[in-house]
Protein backbone atom coordinates (compact mmCIF):
# COMPACT_ATOMS: atom_id res chain seq x y z
CA MET A 1 124.77 110.91 78.84
CA ALA A 2 121.22 109.66 79.46
CA ALA A 3 118.23 111.96 79.07
CA TRP A 4 115.41 111.78 81.59
CA ILE A 5 111.71 112.48 81.70
CA ILE A 6 110.27 113.55 85.03
CA ARG A 7 106.63 114.05 86.02
CA ALA A 8 105.72 117.40 87.56
CA GLY A 9 103.32 115.81 90.02
CA LYS A 10 99.96 114.20 89.26
CA GLY A 11 98.40 115.95 86.29
CA GLY A 12 101.46 118.19 85.97
CA VAL A 13 100.45 120.24 89.01
CA TRP A 14 103.99 121.61 89.49
CA ALA A 15 104.76 122.21 85.80
CA ALA A 16 104.13 125.97 85.72
CA GLU A 17 106.28 126.57 88.82
CA TRP A 18 109.11 124.41 87.53
CA ILE A 19 109.17 126.39 84.29
CA SER A 20 108.92 129.84 85.88
CA ARG A 21 111.48 129.15 88.60
CA GLY A 22 113.83 126.94 86.58
CA TYR A 23 114.07 123.64 88.41
CA ILE A 24 112.85 120.05 88.69
CA ALA A 25 112.04 118.32 91.97
CA ILE A 26 110.95 115.21 93.79
CA TYR A 27 108.80 115.78 96.83
CA TRP A 28 110.24 113.66 99.62
CA ASN A 29 111.71 114.54 102.98
CA LEU A 30 114.38 112.10 104.13
CA GLY A 31 115.48 114.31 106.96
CA GLY A 32 117.45 116.51 104.60
CA ALA A 33 119.93 113.70 103.84
CA ASP A 34 122.27 114.32 100.93
CA ILE A 35 120.83 111.74 98.53
CA ALA A 36 123.61 112.39 96.01
CA THR A 37 126.24 110.91 98.35
CA ILE A 38 124.49 107.94 99.96
CA SER A 39 123.79 104.46 98.63
CA LYS A 40 120.45 103.07 97.49
CA ASP A 41 120.31 100.83 100.59
CA GLN A 42 120.81 103.88 102.79
CA ILE A 43 118.01 105.67 100.94
CA LYS A 44 115.74 102.65 101.51
CA SER A 45 116.51 102.72 105.23
CA LEU A 46 115.73 106.44 105.45
CA TYR A 47 112.53 105.96 103.46
CA LYS A 48 111.37 103.17 105.79
CA MET A 49 111.98 105.41 108.79
CA GLN A 50 109.82 108.13 107.26
CA PHE A 51 107.14 105.75 105.97
CA PRO A 52 107.14 102.66 108.21
CA ASP A 53 103.84 101.35 106.82
CA ALA A 54 104.97 101.38 103.18
CA SER A 55 105.05 98.01 101.43
CA ARG A 56 108.29 96.51 100.17
CA GLN A 57 107.28 97.29 96.58
CA VAL A 58 106.59 100.95 97.37
CA VAL A 59 109.87 101.29 99.26
CA ALA A 60 111.84 99.75 96.39
CA ALA A 61 110.11 101.85 93.71
CA ASN A 62 110.40 105.18 95.49
CA ALA A 63 113.93 104.58 96.78
CA GLY A 64 114.98 103.75 93.21
CA MET A 65 113.48 106.99 91.94
CA ILE A 66 115.15 109.02 94.68
CA TYR A 67 118.49 107.34 93.94
CA ARG A 68 118.21 108.13 90.22
CA PHE A 69 117.40 111.76 90.97
CA GLY A 70 120.41 112.06 93.29
CA HIS A 71 122.97 109.98 91.39
CA GLU A 72 122.08 109.41 87.74
CA ILE A 73 120.77 112.85 86.87
CA VAL A 74 123.87 115.06 86.88
CA GLU A 75 124.86 118.54 85.80
CA GLY A 76 124.61 118.65 82.01
CA SER A 77 121.90 115.98 81.80
CA THR A 78 118.98 116.58 79.47
CA VAL A 79 115.59 116.49 81.20
CA VAL A 80 112.11 116.48 79.71
CA MET A 81 108.94 117.52 81.53
CA TYR A 82 105.42 117.24 80.11
CA GLU A 83 102.87 119.99 80.79
CA PRO A 84 99.38 118.48 80.30
CA ALA A 85 97.61 121.86 80.30
CA THR A 86 99.48 122.98 77.16
CA ARG A 87 100.33 119.53 75.70
CA LEU A 88 103.94 120.64 75.54
CA TYR A 89 107.13 118.73 76.36
CA HIS A 90 109.68 121.10 77.91
CA ILE A 91 113.31 120.21 77.22
CA GLY A 92 116.03 121.52 79.51
CA GLU A 93 119.56 121.07 80.78
CA VAL A 94 120.42 120.42 84.42
CA MET A 95 122.59 123.28 85.66
CA GLY A 96 123.21 122.47 89.31
CA SER A 97 123.70 119.85 91.99
CA CYS A 98 120.97 118.16 94.00
CA THR A 99 119.86 120.24 96.99
CA PHE A 100 117.18 119.82 99.64
CA VAL A 101 114.75 122.70 100.16
CA MET A 102 113.51 122.87 103.74
CA PRO A 103 109.71 122.81 104.19
CA GLU A 104 109.54 126.37 105.48
CA ASP A 105 111.15 127.56 102.24
CA SER A 106 108.93 125.47 99.99
CA ASP A 107 105.39 125.71 98.71
CA ASP A 108 104.76 122.06 99.57
CA ASP A 109 104.37 120.50 102.99
CA ASP A 110 107.18 117.95 102.92
CA GLY A 111 110.08 119.75 101.35
CA SER A 112 111.74 118.65 98.13
CA TYR A 113 114.98 117.67 96.48
CA ARG A 114 115.68 119.99 93.56
CA ARG A 115 118.00 120.56 90.64
CA LYS A 116 118.27 123.82 88.73
CA VAL A 117 117.31 123.55 85.07
CA ALA A 118 117.67 125.87 82.10
CA TRP A 119 114.55 125.24 79.99
CA LYS A 120 115.63 125.60 76.36
CA ALA A 121 112.93 124.28 74.03
CA THR A 122 109.40 122.94 73.77
CA ALA A 123 107.84 120.26 71.58
CA SER A 124 104.13 119.79 71.03
CA ARG A 125 102.79 116.33 71.74
CA ASP A 126 100.66 116.72 68.62
CA ALA A 127 103.85 116.88 66.52
CA LEU A 128 105.11 113.47 67.67
CA SER A 129 104.58 110.06 66.12
CA ALA A 130 102.47 107.48 67.92
CA ARG A 131 105.61 105.48 68.70
CA ALA A 132 107.22 108.45 70.46
CA LYS A 133 104.02 109.23 72.37
CA HIS A 134 103.87 105.68 73.66
CA SER A 135 107.56 105.69 74.53
CA LEU A 136 107.09 108.85 76.59
CA GLY A 137 103.89 107.61 78.20
CA SER A 138 105.28 105.51 81.04
CA ILE A 139 103.43 105.86 84.34
CA SER A 140 106.77 106.11 86.16
CA THR A 141 107.64 109.42 87.81
CA LEU A 142 111.23 109.40 86.57
CA PHE A 143 112.65 107.30 83.75
CA ALA A 144 115.20 107.39 80.95
CA VAL A 145 114.16 108.69 77.53
CA SER A 146 115.13 106.54 74.57
CA ASP A 147 117.53 108.06 72.04
CA GLU A 148 114.88 107.73 69.33
CA ALA A 149 112.23 109.56 71.36
CA LEU A 150 114.68 112.30 72.34
CA ARG A 151 115.67 112.87 68.71
CA GLU A 152 112.02 113.18 67.76
CA LEU A 153 111.38 115.63 70.60
CA GLU A 154 114.34 117.76 69.51
CA ASN A 155 113.20 117.65 65.88
CA ALA A 156 109.66 118.61 66.89
CA SER A 157 111.02 121.55 68.87
CA ARG A 158 112.59 122.81 65.62
CA GLY A 159 109.47 122.18 63.57
CA VAL A 160 110.77 119.06 61.84
CA PRO A 161 107.88 116.60 61.33
CA PRO A 162 108.28 112.93 62.24
CA VAL A 163 109.10 110.43 59.51
CA ALA A 164 105.86 109.38 57.82
CA SER A 165 104.68 105.85 58.49
CA SER A 166 105.15 103.42 55.64
CA GLU A 167 101.86 101.76 56.52
CA GLY A 168 98.65 103.60 57.18
CA ASP A 169 97.68 101.31 60.04
CA GLU A 170 101.08 101.31 61.79
CA GLU A 171 99.99 103.65 64.57
CA GLU A 172 96.92 101.55 65.34
CA GLU A 173 98.99 98.38 65.27
CA ASN A 174 101.59 99.89 67.56
CA ALA A 175 98.88 101.07 69.97
CA ALA A 176 97.29 97.62 70.03
CA GLU A 177 100.65 95.94 70.62
CA ILE A 178 101.57 98.32 73.43
CA ARG A 179 98.14 98.01 75.04
CA GLU A 180 98.41 94.23 74.96
CA ALA A 181 101.97 94.34 76.36
CA THR A 182 100.87 96.69 79.13
CA ALA A 183 97.97 94.43 80.07
CA GLU A 184 100.23 91.37 80.16
CA ASP A 185 102.80 93.22 82.24
CA GLY A 186 100.00 94.07 84.66
CA ILE A 187 99.09 90.38 84.96
CA GLU A 188 102.71 89.51 85.74
CA ARG A 189 102.94 92.24 88.38
CA ILE A 190 99.76 90.97 90.03
CA LYS A 191 101.18 87.44 90.02
CA ASP A 192 104.31 88.77 91.76
CA ARG A 193 102.11 90.32 94.44
CA VAL A 194 99.99 87.17 94.89
CA LEU A 195 103.12 85.08 95.43
CA GLN A 196 104.03 87.35 98.35
CA LEU A 197 100.75 86.67 100.19
CA THR A 198 100.70 84.42 103.23
CA TRP A 199 98.87 81.11 102.93
CA GLU A 200 95.97 82.51 104.96
CA GLU A 201 95.72 85.62 102.77
CA MET A 202 95.72 83.37 99.72
CA GLU A 203 92.85 81.32 101.12
CA GLN A 204 90.89 84.48 101.82
CA LEU A 205 91.64 85.82 98.33
CA VAL A 206 90.26 82.67 96.70
CA ALA A 207 87.13 82.96 98.83
CA GLY A 208 86.87 86.63 97.81
CA VAL A 209 86.94 85.75 94.10
CA LEU A 210 84.14 83.26 94.59
CA ARG A 211 82.07 85.89 96.41
CA ALA A 212 82.72 88.29 93.54
CA MET A 213 81.30 85.60 91.24
CA GLY A 214 78.07 85.50 93.23
CA TYR A 215 78.67 82.72 95.74
CA LYS A 216 78.61 82.85 99.51
CA THR A 217 81.59 81.23 101.20
CA SER A 218 82.53 79.58 104.45
CA MET A 219 85.87 78.32 105.69
CA THR A 220 85.96 74.75 106.99
CA ARG A 221 88.29 72.96 109.35
CA ARG A 222 92.04 73.44 109.29
CA GLY A 223 93.87 70.83 107.29
CA SER A 224 97.00 69.02 108.37
CA ASP A 225 99.05 71.44 106.26
CA GLY A 226 97.73 74.46 108.15
CA GLY A 227 95.46 75.46 105.27
CA ARG A 228 91.71 75.72 105.13
CA ASP A 229 89.19 74.38 102.70
CA ILE A 230 86.45 76.64 101.37
CA ILE A 231 82.84 75.79 100.70
CA ALA A 232 81.07 78.02 98.18
CA SER A 233 77.35 77.80 97.57
CA PRO A 234 74.30 80.01 96.96
CA ASP A 235 73.28 79.90 100.65
CA GLY A 236 76.72 79.98 102.24
CA LEU A 237 75.94 76.84 104.23
CA GLY A 238 76.72 74.30 101.55
CA LEU A 239 73.14 73.02 101.58
CA GLU A 240 72.03 74.41 98.22
CA SER A 241 73.45 73.47 94.85
CA PRO A 242 75.77 74.14 93.21
CA ARG A 243 78.17 73.42 96.07
CA ILE A 244 81.83 74.01 95.27
CA VAL A 245 84.48 72.48 97.49
CA VAL A 246 87.77 74.34 97.22
CA GLU A 247 91.32 73.30 98.04
CA VAL A 248 94.09 75.90 97.96
CA LYS A 249 97.80 75.16 97.91
CA HIS A 250 100.01 78.24 98.14
CA ARG A 251 103.39 76.65 97.49
CA LYS A 252 106.17 76.64 94.90
CA GLU A 253 105.90 72.88 94.46
CA THR A 254 103.85 71.46 91.60
CA MET A 255 100.87 69.45 92.81
CA GLY A 256 100.87 65.84 91.66
CA ALA A 257 98.31 63.12 91.02
CA PRO A 258 98.22 61.73 94.61
CA ALA A 259 97.08 65.12 95.97
CA LEU A 260 94.37 65.35 93.30
CA ARG A 261 93.16 61.79 93.97
CA SER A 262 92.91 62.57 97.68
CA PHE A 263 90.96 65.75 96.99
CA ILE A 264 88.58 64.09 94.53
CA GLY A 265 88.06 61.18 96.91
CA GLY A 266 86.65 63.58 99.51
CA LEU A 267 84.01 65.04 97.19
CA ARG A 268 80.36 64.03 97.13
CA ASN A 269 78.75 62.97 93.88
CA THR A 270 76.80 66.23 93.80
CA ASP A 271 79.83 68.44 94.53
CA SER A 272 81.99 70.39 92.15
CA GLY A 273 85.67 70.69 92.97
CA LEU A 274 88.03 73.63 92.59
CA TYR A 275 91.73 73.14 93.23
CA VAL A 276 93.96 76.23 93.23
CA SER A 277 97.73 75.70 93.20
CA THR A 278 100.12 78.61 92.80
CA GLY A 279 102.83 76.07 91.98
CA GLY A 280 100.84 74.53 89.14
CA PHE A 281 100.02 70.89 88.39
CA THR A 282 101.74 67.88 86.86
CA LYS A 283 100.29 66.28 83.73
CA ASP A 284 99.20 63.30 85.81
CA ALA A 285 97.31 65.61 88.16
CA MET A 286 95.50 67.21 85.22
CA TYR A 287 94.63 63.73 83.96
CA GLU A 288 93.12 62.84 87.35
CA ALA A 289 90.93 65.94 87.22
CA ASP A 290 89.79 65.17 83.66
CA ARG A 291 88.69 61.64 84.51
CA ALA A 292 86.86 62.52 87.74
CA LEU A 293 83.16 61.59 87.86
CA MET A 294 82.21 65.08 89.08
CA PRO A 295 83.29 68.46 87.68
CA VAL A 296 86.79 69.39 88.91
CA LYS A 297 88.49 72.61 87.87
CA LEU A 298 92.21 73.22 88.31
CA LEU A 299 93.61 76.76 88.47
CA ASP A 300 97.32 77.53 88.38
CA LEU A 301 98.73 80.95 89.28
CA ASP A 302 98.24 82.49 85.84
CA GLN A 303 94.68 81.22 85.47
CA PHE A 304 93.76 82.31 88.99
CA VAL A 305 95.13 85.85 88.55
CA ARG A 306 93.22 86.28 85.29
CA LEU A 307 90.07 85.14 87.12
CA VAL A 308 90.79 87.76 89.81
CA VAL A 309 91.13 90.50 87.16
CA ASP A 310 87.94 89.42 85.35
CA ASN A 311 85.90 89.64 88.56
CA TYR A 312 87.65 92.45 90.43
CA ASP A 313 84.94 95.03 89.72
CA SER A 314 82.58 92.94 91.87
CA ALA A 315 85.10 92.34 94.67
CA ASP A 316 84.16 93.25 98.25
CA MET A 317 86.30 95.32 100.61
CA ASP A 318 87.86 92.25 102.25
CA MET A 319 89.19 91.00 98.93
CA ARG A 320 90.37 94.46 97.86
CA ALA A 321 92.24 94.85 101.16
CA ILE A 322 94.21 91.67 100.48
CA LEU A 323 95.01 92.56 96.87
CA PRO A 324 94.58 96.29 96.08
CA LEU A 325 94.42 96.93 92.34
CA VAL A 326 93.75 100.04 90.26
CA ARG A 327 92.12 100.23 86.84
CA ILE A 328 94.02 101.91 84.03
CA TYR A 329 91.85 103.20 81.19
CA TRP A 330 93.12 103.13 77.60
CA PRO A 331 91.50 104.57 74.45
CA ALA A 332 89.55 101.93 72.54
């Protein structure tokens, strides 16, 4: 039977109440529906009714969490809850079915789905290995605990120290690896979000990145494909150098040499060219850019997203509205 870790609200705000009153909860109100007997698709539908402005990603993430709480956590399951104020992991056993507590009977405004828990042991975070700490450090509200991490928690609750590292630098190496993996996962998630933008949003996002880099931008005439070119320059009029002419293709198809030749042919000798293609470029297209008489830069999806991340701190509100991102800090 899987063991689960569940967050007691942001910063563990509900931890003390969960411990004193013997339960775990998720704070949603789906009209009091019995989430333990309905499908994930039904939960999504109920969630959309309650939160019609929620994005597809938010609906999927929260509906999945609600489904797990109602279906995959069962009586007898082991649950773990971290209390930041005491740096303790509380280990308990689920003792009851999933029930909805009406708002008038709850301390929160929205009501909550709850399961009774018998809290049986605690483990100090300070007694865990770096590997276990990282394993338990997911930003998810509800997720499965690995067997290895659970064993270490149970050992720590009995005062058994973790197995000593065979290499003095293992913890630092593990931290560096996990930090790098987390950063790369973030890049991939941002790429997923960019691919869901409309062509017009993509055009505006490219213009936003250029503004974040210190340029002023203007959109030019509509192209035959329904897209728009961008002119970036110090004055915003394209009269001062450097003037960057931008073409954006927000398609799955790889851009080939003919498209690059057409783009380069429309540039002035004093222009620089920027071609952004979320579908990437063929080798022949990259060759055309390399042999152009003026500077031409090609950006595929990965390169563009990394440029977005590098310049996001300087992004204006228009750009942030198209692609909202949050910074996650990690110890150096």
